[in-house]
Amino acid sequence: FPCLGLARGALRAGGTSPAVLNAANEVAVSAFLQGRIGFLSIAALVEDALAAITAEPAQSMAALADADVRARRHASHAIATGAIA
């Protein structure tokens, strides 16, 4: 269960990491359900987003919303370009 480890890591990292994990996971699961990526690519996409988007302090809803938007864009771009298949 790689996503469980990713979730634990995001919680340990704190800040905006859980928001990044959640947003990337939602994009990945949607793409899987649409047949655009394989099941095992869900974890790969979430891990990629967590690595690419630096965690920042979650001091406001705006910071969390920004992290969510950046993670969704990153994950969508990775799928669209075939970086994660």
C-alpha atoms as a PDB file:
ATOM      1  CA  PHE A   1       0.000   0.000   0.000  1.00  0.00           C
ATOM      2  CA  PRO A   2       2.352   2.770  -1.168  1.00  0.00           C
ATOM      3  CA  CYS A   3      -0.279   5.498  -0.779  1.00  0.00           C
ATOM      4  CA  LEU A   4      -0.530   4.802   2.946  1.00  0.00           C
ATOM      5  CA  GLY A   5       3.192   5.461   3.326  1.00  0.00           C
ATOM      6  CA  LEU A   6       2.878   8.611   1.235  1.00  0.00           C
ATOM      7  CA  ALA A   7       0.045   9.825   3.469  1.00  0.00           C
ATOM      8  CA  ARG A   8       2.069   9.176   6.608  1.00  0.00           C
ATOM      9  CA  GLY A   9       5.018  11.030   5.084  1.00  0.00           C
ATOM     10  CA  ALA A  10       2.823  13.997   4.159  1.00  0.00           C
ATOM     11  CA  LEU A  11       1.496  14.147   7.707  1.00  0.00           C
ATOM     12  CA  ARG A  12       5.036  14.060   9.100  1.00  0.00           C
ATOM     13  CA  ALA A  13       6.125  16.806   6.687  1.00  0.00           C
ATOM     14  CA  GLY A  14       3.145  18.890   7.732  1.00  0.00           C
ATOM     15  CA  GLY A  15       2.324  22.271   6.323  1.00  0.00           C
ATOM     16  CA  THR A  16       0.710  22.089   2.915  1.00  0.00           C
ATOM     17  CA  SER A  17       1.922  18.533   2.181  1.00  0.00           C
ATOM     18  CA  PRO A  18      -1.391  16.851   3.091  1.00  0.00           C
ATOM     19  CA  ALA A  19      -3.232  19.261   0.773  1.00  0.00           C
ATOM     20  CA  VAL A  20      -0.819  18.410  -2.041  1.00  0.00           C
ATOM     21  CA  LEU A  21      -1.302  14.691  -1.396  1.00  0.00           C
ATOM     22  CA  ASN A  22      -5.090  15.007  -1.394  1.00  0.00           C
ATOM     23  CA  ALA A  23      -5.263  17.089  -4.573  1.00  0.00           C
ATOM     24  CA  ALA A  24      -2.852  14.872  -6.518  1.00  0.00           C
ATOM     25  CA  ASN A  25      -4.707  11.776  -5.328  1.00  0.00           C
ATOM     26  CA  GLU A  26      -8.057  13.165  -6.493  1.00  0.00           C
ATOM     27  CA  VAL A  27      -6.629  13.918  -9.949  1.00  0.00           C
ATOM     28  CA  ALA A  28      -4.970  10.495 -10.118  1.00  0.00           C
ATOM     29  CA  VAL A  29      -8.060   8.542  -9.070  1.00  0.00           C
ATOM     30  CA  SER A  30     -10.195  10.463 -11.548  1.00  0.00           C
ATOM     31  CA  ALA A  31      -7.719   9.732 -14.341  1.00  0.00           C
ATOM     32  CA  PHE A  32      -7.668   6.050 -13.357  1.00  0.00           C
ATOM     33  CA  LEU A  33     -11.460   5.835 -13.393  1.00  0.00           C
ATOM     34  CA  GLN A  34     -11.433   7.428 -16.852  1.00  0.00           C
ATOM     35  CA  GLY A  35      -8.921   4.833 -18.053  1.00  0.00           C
ATOM     36  CA  ARG A  36      -6.197   7.447 -18.622  1.00  0.00           C
ATOM     37  CA  ILE A  37      -3.669   5.937 -16.193  1.00  0.00           C
ATOM     38  CA  GLY A  38      -3.141   2.527 -14.639  1.00  0.00           C
ATOM     39  CA  PHE A  39      -3.958   1.698 -11.032  1.00  0.00           C
ATOM     40  CA  LEU A  40      -0.315   1.567  -9.978  1.00  0.00           C
ATOM     41  CA  SER A  41       0.227   5.021 -11.452  1.00  0.00           C
ATOM     42  CA  ILE A  42      -1.936   6.569  -8.745  1.00  0.00           C
ATOM     43  CA  ALA A  43       0.812   6.243  -6.137  1.00  0.00           C
ATOM     44  CA  ALA A  44       3.479   7.281  -8.636  1.00  0.00           C
ATOM     45  CA  LEU A  45       1.572  10.446  -9.473  1.00  0.00           C
ATOM     46  CA  VAL A  46       1.004  11.352  -5.830  1.00  0.00           C
ATOM     47  CA  GLU A  47       4.659  10.716  -5.002  1.00  0.00           C
ATOM     48  CA  ASP A  48       5.750  12.840  -7.967  1.00  0.00           C
ATOM     49  CA  ALA A  49       3.561  15.749  -6.858  1.00  0.00           C
ATOM     50  CA  LEU A  50       4.825  15.562  -3.289  1.00  0.00           C
ATOM     51  CA  ALA A  51       8.422  15.610  -4.536  1.00  0.00           C
ATOM     52  CA  ALA A  52       7.838  18.481  -6.956  1.00  0.00           C
ATOM     53  CA  ILE A  53       5.841  20.840  -4.752  1.00  0.00           C
ATOM     54  CA  THR A  54       7.700  22.190  -1.745  1.00  0.00           C
ATOM     55  CA  ALA A  55       5.761  22.088   1.501  1.00  0.00           C
ATOM     56  CA  GLU A  56       5.058  25.484   2.980  1.00  0.00           C
ATOM     57  CA  PRO A  57       3.557  26.456   6.315  1.00  0.00           C
ATOM     58  CA  ALA A  58      -0.210  26.034   6.308  1.00  0.00           C
ATOM     59  CA  GLN A  59      -0.847  29.376   7.942  1.00  0.00           C
ATOM     60  CA  SER A  60      -4.020  30.212   6.041  1.00  0.00           C
ATOM     61  CA  MET A  61      -6.741  28.780   3.870  1.00  0.00           C
ATOM     62  CA  ALA A  62      -5.160  30.676   0.977  1.00  0.00           C
ATOM     63  CA  ALA A  63      -1.903  28.748   1.425  1.00  0.00           C
ATOM     64  CA  LEU A  64      -3.790  25.448   1.411  1.00  0.00           C
ATOM     65  CA  ALA A  65      -5.875  26.457  -1.599  1.00  0.00           C
ATOM     66  CA  ASP A  66      -2.729  27.483  -3.476  1.00  0.00           C
ATOM     67  CA  ALA A  67      -1.071  24.151  -2.702  1.00  0.00           C
ATOM     68  CA  ASP A  68      -4.200  22.365  -3.915  1.00  0.00           C
ATOM     69  CA  VAL A  69      -4.213  24.267  -7.212  1.00  0.00           C
ATOM     70  CA  ARG A  70      -0.479  23.711  -7.781  1.00  0.00           C
ATOM     71  CA  ALA A  71      -0.789  19.983  -7.072  1.00  0.00           C
ATOM     72  CA  ARG A  72      -3.767  19.583  -9.410  1.00  0.00           C
ATOM     73  CA  ARG A  73      -1.937  21.437 -12.186  1.00  0.00           C
ATOM     74  CA  HIS A  74       1.207  19.387 -11.650  1.00  0.00           C
ATOM     75  CA  ALA A  75      -0.648  16.079 -11.641  1.00  0.00           C
ATOM     76  CA  SER A  76      -2.761  17.000 -14.669  1.00  0.00           C
ATOM     77  CA  HIS A  77       0.341  18.061 -16.580  1.00  0.00           C
ATOM     78  CA  ALA A  78       2.139  14.825 -15.689  1.00  0.00           C
ATOM     79  CA  ILE A  79      -0.793  12.818 -17.032  1.00  0.00           C
ATOM     80  CA  ALA A  80      -1.245  14.950 -20.164  1.00  0.00           C
ATOM     81  CA  THR A  81       2.447  14.757 -21.111  1.00  0.00           C
ATOM     82  CA  GLY A  82       2.720  11.049 -20.386  1.00  0.00           C
ATOM     83  CA  ALA A  83       5.246  11.587 -17.594  1.00  0.00           C
ATOM     84  CA  ILE A  84       2.992   9.334 -15.515  1.00  0.00           C
ATOM     85  CA  ALA A  85       1.091   6.701 -17.455  1.00  0.00           C
END
